[in-house]
Structure formats: structure tokens, C-alpha cells
Amino acid sequence: MKKLLLYFLFFSAASQAQIVNIPDPNFKADLINKGIDLNSDGDIQVSEAEAVTSLGMVDLNISSLEGIQSFVNLTSLTCYNLNLTALDVSGLTHLGELNCGHNAAMTSLNLSGCTSLANCRASNCALTSLDTSGLIHLYNLDVSNNQLTSLNLAGWVSSDGGYLLARYNQLTSVDASDMGNLIMLDFSHNALTTLDVTGTNVSTDIALSYNHLTSLDLSNSPIQGVDASHNNLASISLNPNTQYNHLWLDNNQLVNLDVSGLYVRDLNANHNNLTSINFQGTRIYTVYLNGNNFQTVDLSGAIRINSFCSIDIDSNPYLETFFAKNGNSDYLSFIGDFSLEYVCIDESDLIGGSSPPNAVFSPYCIFTPGGNYNTITGNVTFDADNNGCDNTDPDQPYVKLNLTSGNNIYSVFTTPDGNFNYFGQTGMFNVGLAMENASLFTITPPLATIVFGTNNNNLTTQDFCITATGIQNDLETIIVPLSPVRPGFDATYKIICKNKGNQILSGNVDFTYQENELDYVNASTAPDVQTAGSLSWNFSSLYPFESRSVEVRLHVNSPQETPSVNIGDQLSFSVQANPVSGDITPDDNTFSFRQTVIGSYDPNDITCLEGEHVNPTEIGNYLHYNINFENIGTAAAENIVVKDMIDLTRFDISSLQILNASHPMTPRITNGKVEFIFEGINLGASEHGNVAFKIKTKNTLVTGNSVSQKADIYFDYNFPVATNVAVTTFDTLGTDNVVLDDDISIYPNPTKGLVNIKSDSEIKSVELFDVQGRQLLRKNNVETLNISTYTCGVYFIKVATYKGFKTQKLIKQ
């Protein structure tokens, strides 16, 4: 009997041990409803639990999953939106998928020993801590919207790329280092003050917005998208080898930001304390910088991902200058209110939106294209001793070079030290000298071909050597007015002599002026010979291509002096460069210039030295121009650019030659745009400068046609100053239509100086012309004309009245 009782007790206990303890009736009922109770005894045996590999429970009133650990072969468990307060799945070594999200009261989750777990979703719970250490196959983890203050990720190494979502928690620090390859890492809306992602490769996005981070080091993380907005970031280190699809750093405490060399398609740095940002070499598409403390934003070194670039720089109360010149044709849109004073752009850029009303738009912040470009550089030397060009030979200033690429022709000039630079993009360029008297020289090489396959800032050096062909002398001289002529004031003139030939020359320059109306004051170089109305300077060793000049100051008679000088009068000057004998073009060894007396004036002006009227026989020949500029500001002008748009229908742009400049400059020609760039001129307040050039008119012009020139002068970052328009008309000696030969008498003729005019009607003006039709002198409302200071020869005098005019040949003895 005792043996029978003992056997019964043992059998009963063994039977109870095979049943899984499941205290929650709703959990047990759901398992039975799912058919897991195979023997229909109302319980779940261990063998029955071990037969289950996937289990799903959604939206049920289950508060405990005690007993789940007996389901040792589970690979997938879903317990979504139940009433769990805790979940222990420890030891389930085959579990690969776990979704226990939306258990609002669940404060703990035990995953220890779940070595096969790959995907775990535990979002929208009440977890305060989670330990994933040892889960070596964990791939995706979502613990968003919990109350986590601790998250242990040690040992998680993803090799294929997964995600870690832990947004909306209470984490203050996380060690997410050495986690392998992830697609996304999201710690947004926490309380993070530190984060370590060293050694973790996040291929797509890292979200860190709405934390308390003060610094962030991503220098070793190849993350393509970063959202670190709404933090306290004062510094951030980025990976130079990463292409950032977006970099969102708005609403932080950044003062400086360096994105140089990076690829950033979408950059948002709104609402920081930024005062500087480095875009050098940055590839960008959209940029948001509003709500900062910039004084200057410089995008000139940036490279557009596409031709379009959008930038938002609204609400920068201190922003004064914006640089966007990069060598590309871009569309720039300005929206909102701005206090901008200067915007530097490429001339091909399009401006949209509401342009800042007081801002200057100019391309002259830098004198290279910006962005990536190639450079052709070199030196032009004259072989003065005929033994090959070397360092002992003189460099050649303002020698013109043409660069042809396809149908485009670009022109640059050498600087005063003989060097030249051309900045361009890809293509084949034929480079050659374009001198005025090219037939007088042999150029080595005659033409250079340079090919650029890429625009990766390639540099090619090409020097040119010039040697004389035969013996050819050719001097040229002009007179340039550096100031207006006003009654009772001083006037300044520059006398220029240039050697266009191929021999070193010595000689002298003679300058004559109206001695009765003008008094010599001084000259930058004292004359070697001075007589009444004449000054002469000797020169020696004037090299080919070399230009020399002297400035002369003369005092103008006032209306109260005798003879008087009044507004509207014209004063005449002439200059001759010797030797004339043996010169291949002796006509340009002499130059006559007339200047109208004025009252008020603009110091920034352009003058055609031939005057307002030129004989039609001069069509197709050179016209000489001088552009004066004066710094009327209160501080020195660091850079000045004089831009002249040439009318290509009336001028031959290929003929343009530089005659003289007051300061070292770099001229360049693009189509019809001529730029004289005085980089680093540092022209002081009230100081002056000038540039003189000559250009041929088209020989297709006819009598009655006019040509005009106008220049825009850029002083640093100010609005350009527009000069007057210099208009020259090709016509005969006058414009009046009625000829009054019998009503006007001009005598004596010949004359030694004094000419009398008698007219039946009131005289409007008296003009004196040379045989080439150039006006030498003009007087208003006079009956006598004194030409005693003019050289002997043949002239023409034109007298205009209110009824008509008379022109007569006049001989000066």
C-alpha cells in the first residue's frame, strides 16, 4: 500500500511539471484559441510550447507574458498594444523578430541571451533602461517614445546596415561607437549632452535634433544625412570624404562653420550665431543661413551641384556683403528684407526675387573666375641683344595676346612686368601675340596650342620671345588731358611717347601750347629746353613696346586777364616725337589736341582726343581715348576697375592697343567688354588715375556716322560711376548748311598771327582746323583770332554766324 501511494505521488508531480505556468488567463486563452493546446486539455504543455516558432498578439487585454520563456523555439514574437508592464524574453536564443511596441505601461524589457535577435521594436512604451549587450546579430532596434535614461549598446556590431531609433526619450549620454554599419541612427528629442559614434558607419541619416549637445564629432563617420538642429552646438567636426545629402544645423550656438571641400546638397544653418562660414571648394545646391550675425557671406569658392543654387540669407541684420562669384551662370533669388550693401556675382548670373534695394551688384570682388578653372600663364620678353631671350632681356608691358577657342576669341595683355594670365575652362586654346606692328618682329613660338580636358585648376605656362626683323623705327606720341581746363585754374596734361618699332631709340619730345592763354607751372620731369609756349624733353634707350610719359601743369588765364579765357573757348596743344626721319609711320609722330574750356566738371570722364568732329577721311583709322578717374571717397580705394563696352558694329575690337596707364593694371577683353583692372591700386582720397588706349573704327562707316564711348568705373564695393558719353561724328568742317562766302571777310591772309573777322551778322564761333580736319582752336563771339603760337603752314578757319558759315584756307607765315 505504501509503494502504491508513493508511485501515484511521483506520477502526479511529473505530469504537473510538463505544463507551462501561464498566470495571465487572457494570454492562456489566446494561446488555446490559436490551437497551440494540441491535446485539448486546457493547458499548454512544454512540448506544445516548444513546437511554436511564431507567435502574434495585437490589441489584447494581456498584462503578462509569463511563461513565454518556455517557447524556446520562437523566432518571431509580436505582442503589440497589449497591457504589459514588463517583458522577459531572456534565453530565447532563436528569437529573431520581436515587436512589443505600444505597451504604454511596460517599464522593463529583458533581452539577455537573445543571441539571434535581429529586429526589435519596443517603441511607445515606458522603458527607463535597456541592455542590448551581447546581441551580436541585432540589426534594427526601435525604442522611440519611451522614458529611457540608459541604453547599453555594447557589442552591437551590424555588418549589413540597419537602424537604431531612440527618439523621444530622456537619454543624456550614449555610447554608439563601433556599431558597424547602420543605415539610420535617430536620437532626436532626448536630453543628450554627449554622443560617441566613433567607428560607426551610418550610411544614410543621423537624427540628433532637440538635444543639449554642445559639440559633435562626425569626422570619422561617413553619414550622408545629418539633422543636429535645435541643440546647443558650439562646434562640429565633419567628414571630408562624405557626401552629405542634407546637413541641418539650425537653431544652435555655432559662431563659425567650416564646410570647405564637402559635398552638401542641402545645408540649413538658420538661427545660429554665425559670423563666418567657409565654403571653399564646397559643392552645394541649397543653403539656408537666415537669422545669424554675418557681416559677410562668401560663396565664391563654392561649386554648384547644378546650375541652380538657392540661398536664404534673410534676417541677418549685420550682413553687408555677399559674394557669389564662381565662374558659373547661376540663378540667385533674394526673398525678404536685406541691409546688403554689396553683392558680388558673375555677370551671367540671373537675379530673382526682390533684389536688395540699396545693394551694389558687381563682378569685381575677385579677379579670378571663382570655383574651378584652368590657368594659362607666361611671360613676354624682347630679345634686345639678339642672343635669345633670357633674364637680362626686358619684359614687355601691355603686349596683347589673343586666345582662340572654337568661335570665341579672348584677349589679355601683359602686366608691367611682362607676365600674363588667362583663366578659362575646358577646351583647346590657340594662344598668340597680337601686336600692332607684328610684321616687324619674329615671335617664338608663333602660336601655342594648349588643351585642357578638365577644369581641375590646371596650370600651363607658355612664354613668348620677340626678336626684331630688320631695322624699323616707329615712334608714337599723344597728349592726354588729366583734368578739365577751367578759367583761372591749373590744368594737367600727360605727354606720352611710345616705341612701336623694333629698335632702341633716343630722341626728344616737343610740346607746344598757347603761351598767351596758358602759363607753365611745373612738370613731373623738368624740361630740357623751355621757350615761350614750348617745352622739350630728351629721352634715350627707349625700348620697343616701352612707353614713357611726363605730366605738365599749366595755369589758365581767367576772364579778367588779357587775353581772357572764357567758358566755351577751345585751347590747342601739339606734340612731336623725334626723330621723324626714318620713321615708318611719321604721321603718328605728331599729335594735336584741343580742349574746350568748361566751368563745373566730373573728374571721372572719357575723352576722344580727336574731338567731337573728325574728317570722314579718318574712317577706319585709330581714335585715341583717355579715361580719367578720381577717388572722391574719404578712404583709399583698394581696387578699381574701368569697364568699357565697345560697340562692335562701329569699332574693330581686334585693333585695341594700350597706350599708357597711371598705375599698374591688368587689361582684358571678352567679346566687346574691355576691363582695365587696377588690383591693389590703393588710390587715396582725391587721388587720380587714368588709362589711355586707341582703337580703330570700322571702315564700313560713312560720312555722318557717329561713334561713342562710355565707361563705368568701379571703386571697390561701391556703385559704378558712369562717365560721360564721348561722341565723335565723321563729318566735314561744320554742321551749318548755309554758306556765306560774301557776308564774311577773313583777313589778313597770309598772316603772321592776328586774324580779323568781319561779318554782316553776329558771329557765333570761330574755329581753326589743321589740314587733316582736326579742330585746333575754338572761340565764341570774337572778331579776332591770334594764331601766332602755331607753326607755319596751311590751316582752315571756319566762322559760324546765326545765318550760316564760311570756311576758308588760312596760311600762317
Foldseek 3Di string as FASTA:
>chain_A
DVVVVVVVVVVVVVVVVQFQDFPWVQLLVVCVVVVLPVVPPSTHGLVSLCVDAEEADEQEATADPRRNCSNLNHQEYHQYQYQYQEEENAQSCNHAYYHHANNANHAYYHHHNNQNHAEYEHDNYAHQEDAPPNNANHAEYAHDHYAHQYYHPPNQAYAPAHEYHHDQYAHAEDEQDQNHHYQEYEHDHYAHQYYHHHHYEHDEEYHHAQYAHQEEECQRYQYQEYHHDHYAHQYYHHHLPHAHQADAHDHYAHAEEEQANYHHAYYHHDQYAHAYYHQANYEYAEEEYANYAYQEAANLNHHYPDQEHEYEHHHHANHAEYENQALGAYEYEYEDEDPYAEYAYPPNYHYHYDPHPRHAYYNVQDDARGYFWEKEKEFEFEPQPPPDDDPVTATFFQWKKWKDFPPFIKIWGAWNRGMTMDIHFFGKIKMATQAQPPVQKDKVPRIDIDGDPGRRHHYHYDYMYIYGDPFAWAKFKEKAWQDAAAAQAKTKIKIKMATQHQHFDWFKKKKFWDQQFKAWDQKPDGFPDDDRRMGMHIGGRRHHNRMDMMMTMIGGHDCVDVVHDDAFWKIKMKMATDDLPRHPDSVRRMYMFIHGHHHDDDSFAKEFRLAQEFAQVQAQHKIKMKTKDAAQDQFWQQKKKKKKQADVQWWDVSFKGWRDKQAIWIWIDTPRIIMTIDHRPRHGHGGMIMTMMMTHTDNPDDAFDKGWIKIWMDRNRHHTDIHDIHIHGHHALDDWDDADPPFKDWDDAADLFKIFIGGPAFWAKKWKAAPRRGTGIMDGRDGMGTPNSDDFDKIKMWIAGPVTIHIDIGTHD
